[in-house]
Amino acid sequence: MNIGFLHPGAMGISLAVSAQTTGHPVFWVPEGRSEATRERAVAHKLLESSSLADFCKTCDIIISVCPPHAAMEVARQILQHSFRGIYADVNAISPEKTKSIHKLMASNDIEFVDGGIIGGPAWEPNNTWLYLAGEKAAEVATCFQGGLLETELMGPEIGRASAIKMCFAAYTKGSTALLCAIMATADEMGVRQELEKQWSRNGSDFAERTHNRLQRVSAKAWRFSGEMEEIALTLKNAGQPQGFHLASADIYSRISKFKGAAPVPSVEEVLEALKNKRNQV
């Protein structure tokens, strides 16, 4: 069975390798991709398709792994090329957007699977989980059974896999955004040193862990901003306030400039970026 990935970024390439390890030929489309994506694909020997049209003819299953804001556009691009296999959207999007994509696919006789990834890139066992929902979810899960990616079936109802992803990330990434705001506020008000001292009482390493979280998240903030908006929509449609995660989206957008930064920015640089946006308003 031929498996296609749109697109093999840091997460997508790890899923592609799990599919390879399971024994499937794995394809991608170089057109319009960055040099970093190309290097990943070449390093892991993904098979090139000459065009998206060729890709859609070749692949039995297409896995969409892209930033949340691009999920709908990527789906629409597939519809232009008479694909007739299984389309699995495993992006960090709300159940509502997932259902909209499902409706588009169903109207074009394309089987659809709803997916949600919890964890970082799948390079270690028991570290990354792919939740899958839909009539063909089990078929997609078998694509990865020989690799390091773990899978969990959520039943036939579209939206359940996206829902668990949204709920999980609402805390993990939302709490990091909150810490960003707290640290920037303490720094602005001249009490950061005292706050970190309080956090460090009784041998706690919370201050150090907070520093690490701020630095690590800076490289991914450009993508997390859109994810916070998807979580906000999910909470709103469940009857819960959405304001916290809309604010989290703003926080991540303030440090989105650190995408691909090397070396990792210092805590001071991250805090300065958070405060600079405020001063420009």
Foldseek 3Di string as FASTA:
>chain_A
DEEEEAFCDQQNLLQQVLLVLLPHQYEYEPPPDDPNRVVSCVVSVHHYQPDLLSVLVPHQEYEYEDFAVCQQVVLVVSLVRLRQHEYEYAYLFALVVQVVSCVVCVVSNHHYKYWYKDAGHQPAAPGIEIEIEAPCRVVVQSSRVSHRYHYDYDYHDRRPNSVVNLVVCCPVLLVLLVLLVVLLVCVVVVNNVVVLVVCCPPNHCVSVVNQVSLQVCLQVLLRVLVSLVRSLVNQVVVVHHSVSSPVSSVSSVLSNVCHVPPPGDGSVVSSCSSVVVVVVD
